[in-house]
Amino acid sequence: MIVLLTVPVVLVVGYLVTACAVFDFNKAAFPFNQQTGSDGRPVAFGPRPRPWAYAADKNWQGIYWQGKEWPFIVFAPVCSWWRHSHGYAAPVD
């Protein structure tokens, strides 16, 4: 019974620790083509990925994002939580 509970807890903790390694939670990742949402709030995809997370892709500008980058897809729940807790609106696709 304990093993059945331990595995999901370890997976969730590992996911959150990895998100902390991938993102700089002090900075926002802004889209390149949108400044504010329909409600006037600033728009962001979530926290900004750390430089090592996008260093291999030479097409990334590092300041403005498209939202298709792997950290925003893999960690979509974390990005959604961060946007909500920091008062940013979600970008419109």
N, C-alpha and C. Protein backbone atom coordinates (compact mmCIF):
# COMPACT_ATOMS: atom_id res chain seq x y z
N MET A 1 0.82 -1.20 0.00
CA MET A 1 0.00 0.00 0.00
C MET A 1 0.86 1.26 0.00
N ILE A 2 1.91 1.26 0.78
CA ILE A 2 2.79 2.43 0.84
C ILE A 2 3.49 2.64 -0.49
N VAL A 3 3.86 1.56 -1.16
CA VAL A 3 4.52 1.68 -2.47
C VAL A 3 3.57 2.33 -3.47
N LEU A 4 2.29 1.99 -3.41
CA LEU A 4 1.32 2.57 -4.33
C LEU A 4 1.18 4.08 -4.12
N LEU A 5 1.36 4.54 -2.91
CA LEU A 5 1.29 5.97 -2.62
C LEU A 5 2.62 6.67 -2.87
N THR A 6 3.70 5.97 -2.67
CA THR A 6 5.03 6.57 -2.80
C THR A 6 5.36 6.91 -4.26
N VAL A 7 5.02 6.06 -5.18
CA VAL A 7 5.37 6.28 -6.58
C VAL A 7 4.74 7.57 -7.13
N PRO A 8 3.43 7.80 -6.96
CA PRO A 8 2.88 9.06 -7.46
C PRO A 8 3.47 10.30 -6.77
N VAL A 9 3.73 10.21 -5.49
CA VAL A 9 4.30 11.34 -4.77
C VAL A 9 5.70 11.65 -5.30
N VAL A 10 6.49 10.63 -5.53
CA VAL A 10 7.85 10.82 -6.06
C VAL A 10 7.78 11.43 -7.47
N LEU A 11 6.83 10.98 -8.29
CA LEU A 11 6.70 11.53 -9.64
C LEU A 11 6.30 13.00 -9.61
N VAL A 12 5.37 13.36 -8.76
CA VAL A 12 4.94 14.77 -8.67
C VAL A 12 6.05 15.64 -8.14
N VAL A 13 6.74 15.20 -7.12
CA VAL A 13 7.85 15.98 -6.57
C VAL A 13 8.95 16.12 -7.61
N GLY A 14 9.26 15.06 -8.34
CA GLY A 14 10.27 15.13 -9.40
C GLY A 14 9.89 16.11 -10.49
N TYR A 15 8.63 16.12 -10.87
CA TYR A 15 8.12 17.05 -11.88
C TYR A 15 8.29 18.50 -11.41
N LEU A 16 7.94 18.77 -10.16
CA LEU A 16 8.05 20.14 -9.63
C LEU A 16 9.50 20.57 -9.45
N VAL A 17 10.36 19.67 -9.03
CA VAL A 17 11.79 19.99 -8.90
C VAL A 17 12.39 20.27 -10.27
N THR A 18 12.01 19.49 -11.26
CA THR A 18 12.50 19.73 -12.62
C THR A 18 12.02 21.08 -13.14
N ALA A 19 10.77 21.44 -12.84
CA ALA A 19 10.25 22.75 -13.25
C ALA A 19 11.08 23.87 -12.62
N CYS A 20 11.49 23.69 -11.38
CA CYS A 20 12.34 24.70 -10.72
C CYS A 20 13.70 24.81 -11.39
N ALA A 21 14.20 23.71 -11.93
CA ALA A 21 15.48 23.74 -12.63
C ALA A 21 15.35 24.37 -14.01
N VAL A 22 14.20 24.23 -14.65
CA VAL A 22 14.00 24.71 -16.02
C VAL A 22 13.65 26.20 -16.06
N PHE A 23 12.87 26.68 -15.09
CA PHE A 23 12.36 28.04 -15.13
C PHE A 23 13.02 28.96 -14.12
N ASP A 24 13.12 30.24 -14.51
CA ASP A 24 13.49 31.32 -13.59
C ASP A 24 12.17 31.97 -13.18
N PHE A 25 11.69 31.66 -12.00
CA PHE A 25 10.37 32.10 -11.56
C PHE A 25 10.31 33.59 -11.22
N ASN A 26 11.42 34.30 -11.34
CA ASN A 26 11.44 35.74 -11.07
C ASN A 26 11.16 36.59 -12.31
N LYS A 27 11.17 35.96 -13.49
CA LYS A 27 10.97 36.69 -14.75
C LYS A 27 9.85 36.06 -15.56
N ALA A 28 9.16 36.89 -16.33
CA ALA A 28 8.07 36.39 -17.17
C ALA A 28 8.55 36.14 -18.59
N ALA A 29 7.90 35.19 -19.25
CA ALA A 29 8.15 34.90 -20.66
C ALA A 29 7.03 35.53 -21.46
N PHE A 30 7.33 36.62 -22.14
CA PHE A 30 6.33 37.38 -22.88
C PHE A 30 6.23 36.90 -24.32
N PRO A 31 5.01 36.86 -24.88
CA PRO A 31 4.86 36.53 -26.30
C PRO A 31 5.36 37.67 -27.17
N PHE A 32 5.78 37.35 -28.38
CA PHE A 32 6.38 38.37 -29.26
C PHE A 32 5.35 39.24 -29.94
N ASN A 33 4.06 38.87 -29.93
CA ASN A 33 3.09 39.60 -30.72
C ASN A 33 1.88 40.10 -29.93
N GLN A 34 1.97 40.11 -28.61
CA GLN A 34 0.83 40.52 -27.81
C GLN A 34 1.32 41.17 -26.52
N GLN A 35 0.79 42.33 -26.19
CA GLN A 35 1.22 43.05 -25.00
C GLN A 35 0.25 42.89 -23.84
N THR A 36 -1.06 43.05 -24.12
CA THR A 36 -2.06 42.95 -23.07
C THR A 36 -3.22 42.08 -23.53
N GLY A 37 -3.91 41.53 -22.56
CA GLY A 37 -5.08 40.72 -22.85
C GLY A 37 -6.31 41.59 -23.04
N SER A 38 -7.44 40.98 -23.31
CA SER A 38 -8.67 41.74 -23.52
C SER A 38 -9.13 42.46 -22.26
N ASP A 39 -8.66 41.99 -21.10
CA ASP A 39 -9.03 42.64 -19.85
C ASP A 39 -8.00 43.67 -19.39
N GLY A 40 -6.98 43.92 -20.20
CA GLY A 40 -5.99 44.93 -19.89
C GLY A 40 -4.79 44.44 -19.10
N ARG A 41 -4.81 43.19 -18.66
CA ARG A 41 -3.66 42.65 -17.92
C ARG A 41 -2.52 42.32 -18.89
N PRO A 42 -1.29 42.41 -18.43
CA PRO A 42 -0.17 41.99 -19.28
C PRO A 42 -0.26 40.49 -19.56
N VAL A 43 0.27 40.10 -20.70
CA VAL A 43 0.19 38.71 -21.15
C VAL A 43 1.56 38.04 -20.99
N ALA A 44 1.55 36.80 -20.52
CA ALA A 44 2.79 36.02 -20.41
C ALA A 44 2.45 34.54 -20.56
N PHE A 45 3.41 33.77 -21.06
CA PHE A 45 3.24 32.32 -21.16
C PHE A 45 3.43 31.67 -19.80
N GLY A 46 4.25 32.26 -18.98
CA GLY A 46 4.58 31.70 -17.68
C GLY A 46 5.94 32.24 -17.27
N PRO A 47 6.61 31.55 -16.37
CA PRO A 47 7.96 32.00 -16.00
C PRO A 47 8.92 31.81 -17.16
N ARG A 48 9.98 32.58 -17.16
CA ARG A 48 10.95 32.51 -18.26
C ARG A 48 11.87 31.30 -18.08
N PRO A 49 12.07 30.51 -19.14
CA PRO A 49 13.01 29.39 -19.05
C PRO A 49 14.43 29.88 -18.82
N ARG A 50 15.19 29.10 -18.11
CA ARG A 50 16.60 29.43 -17.87
C ARG A 50 17.38 29.26 -19.18
N PRO A 51 18.48 29.98 -19.33
CA PRO A 51 19.22 29.92 -20.61
C PRO A 51 19.64 28.52 -21.05
N TRP A 52 20.00 27.64 -20.15
CA TRP A 52 20.43 26.30 -20.56
C TRP A 52 19.28 25.53 -21.20
N ALA A 53 18.03 25.87 -20.86
CA ALA A 53 16.89 25.13 -21.39
C ALA A 53 16.62 25.41 -22.86
N TYR A 54 17.12 26.54 -23.36
CA TYR A 54 16.89 26.86 -24.77
C TYR A 54 18.18 27.14 -25.52
N ALA A 55 19.32 26.87 -24.92
CA ALA A 55 20.60 27.18 -25.55
C ALA A 55 20.84 26.38 -26.83
N ALA A 56 20.29 25.20 -26.94
CA ALA A 56 20.52 24.37 -28.12
C ALA A 56 19.73 24.86 -29.34
N ASP A 57 18.67 25.60 -29.11
CA ASP A 57 17.84 26.08 -30.21
C ASP A 57 18.24 27.51 -30.57
N LYS A 58 18.88 27.68 -31.68
CA LYS A 58 19.40 28.99 -32.08
C LYS A 58 18.30 29.95 -32.53
N ASN A 59 17.07 29.46 -32.73
CA ASN A 59 15.98 30.31 -33.17
C ASN A 59 15.29 31.05 -32.04
N TRP A 60 15.55 30.66 -30.81
CA TRP A 60 14.89 31.31 -29.68
C TRP A 60 15.55 32.65 -29.42
N GLN A 61 14.75 33.67 -29.23
CA GLN A 61 15.30 34.99 -28.94
C GLN A 61 15.64 35.16 -27.48
N GLY A 62 15.00 34.42 -26.60
CA GLY A 62 15.30 34.50 -25.19
C GLY A 62 14.55 35.60 -24.46
N ILE A 63 13.93 36.51 -25.18
CA ILE A 63 13.17 37.59 -24.55
C ILE A 63 11.69 37.43 -24.89
N TYR A 64 11.41 37.19 -26.16
CA TYR A 64 10.04 36.99 -26.60
C TYR A 64 9.88 35.54 -27.05
N TRP A 65 8.73 34.98 -26.78
CA TRP A 65 8.52 33.56 -26.99
C TRP A 65 7.31 33.31 -27.87
N GLN A 66 7.25 32.12 -28.45
CA GLN A 66 6.12 31.73 -29.30
C GLN A 66 5.11 30.86 -28.56
N GLY A 67 5.50 30.27 -27.47
CA GLY A 67 4.61 29.40 -26.71
C GLY A 67 4.67 27.95 -27.15
N LYS A 68 5.41 27.67 -28.22
CA LYS A 68 5.56 26.30 -28.73
C LYS A 68 6.84 25.65 -28.21
N GLU A 69 7.61 26.37 -27.44
CA GLU A 69 8.86 25.85 -26.92
C GLU A 69 8.56 24.75 -25.89
N TRP A 70 9.44 23.78 -25.81
CA TRP A 70 9.18 22.59 -24.99
C TRP A 70 8.89 22.88 -23.52
N PRO A 71 9.54 23.84 -22.86
CA PRO A 71 9.21 24.04 -21.44
C PRO A 71 7.75 24.45 -21.22
N PHE A 72 7.18 25.23 -22.14
CA PHE A 72 5.80 25.67 -21.96
C PHE A 72 4.80 24.55 -22.22
N ILE A 73 5.20 23.56 -23.00
CA ILE A 73 4.34 22.42 -23.28
C ILE A 73 4.43 21.39 -22.15
N VAL A 74 5.65 21.03 -21.80
CA VAL A 74 5.85 20.01 -20.77
C VAL A 74 5.34 20.48 -19.40
N PHE A 75 5.56 21.74 -19.11
CA PHE A 75 5.18 22.28 -17.80
C PHE A 75 3.98 23.22 -17.88
N ALA A 76 3.03 22.92 -18.75
CA ALA A 76 1.84 23.76 -18.91
C ALA A 76 1.08 24.00 -17.61
N PRO A 77 0.89 22.99 -16.74
CA PRO A 77 0.20 23.27 -15.48
C PRO A 77 0.96 24.23 -14.57
N VAL A 78 2.27 24.12 -14.56
CA VAL A 78 3.10 25.02 -13.75
C VAL A 78 3.01 26.44 -14.30
N CYS A 79 3.05 26.58 -15.62
CA CYS A 79 2.95 27.90 -16.25
C CYS A 79 1.60 28.53 -15.99
N SER A 80 0.54 27.74 -16.05
CA SER A 80 -0.80 28.25 -15.78
C SER A 80 -0.91 28.74 -14.33
N TRP A 81 -0.41 27.95 -13.41
CA TRP A 81 -0.41 28.35 -11.99
C TRP A 81 0.37 29.65 -11.80
N TRP A 82 1.55 29.75 -12.43
CA TRP A 82 2.41 30.93 -12.27
C TRP A 82 1.72 32.17 -12.83
N ARG A 83 1.12 32.05 -14.02
CA ARG A 83 0.39 33.18 -14.61
C ARG A 83 -0.71 33.66 -13.68
N HIS A 84 -1.48 32.73 -13.18
CA HIS A 84 -2.61 33.08 -12.31
C HIS A 84 -2.11 33.74 -11.01
N SER A 85 -1.08 33.20 -10.42
CA SER A 85 -0.60 33.75 -9.14
C SER A 85 0.13 35.08 -9.29
N HIS A 86 0.60 35.41 -10.50
CA HIS A 86 1.30 36.68 -10.72
C HIS A 86 0.45 37.70 -11.46
N GLY A 87 -0.80 37.39 -11.76
CA GLY A 87 -1.71 38.34 -12.37
C GLY A 87 -1.57 38.55 -13.86
N TYR A 88 -0.96 37.61 -14.56
CA TYR A 88 -0.82 37.72 -16.01
C TYR A 88 -1.99 37.02 -16.70
N ALA A 89 -2.33 37.50 -17.87
CA ALA A 89 -3.35 36.85 -18.71
C ALA A 89 -2.67 35.84 -19.61
N ALA A 90 -3.42 34.83 -20.02
CA ALA A 90 -2.89 33.83 -20.96
C ALA A 90 -2.90 34.42 -22.36
N PRO A 91 -1.87 34.15 -23.17
CA PRO A 91 -1.85 34.63 -24.54
C PRO A 91 -2.96 33.97 -25.37
N VAL A 92 -3.42 34.70 -26.36
CA VAL A 92 -4.43 34.17 -27.28
C VAL A 92 -3.69 33.55 -28.45
N ASP A 93 -4.05 32.32 -28.79
CA ASP A 93 -3.39 31.64 -29.92
C ASP A 93 -3.89 32.15 -31.23
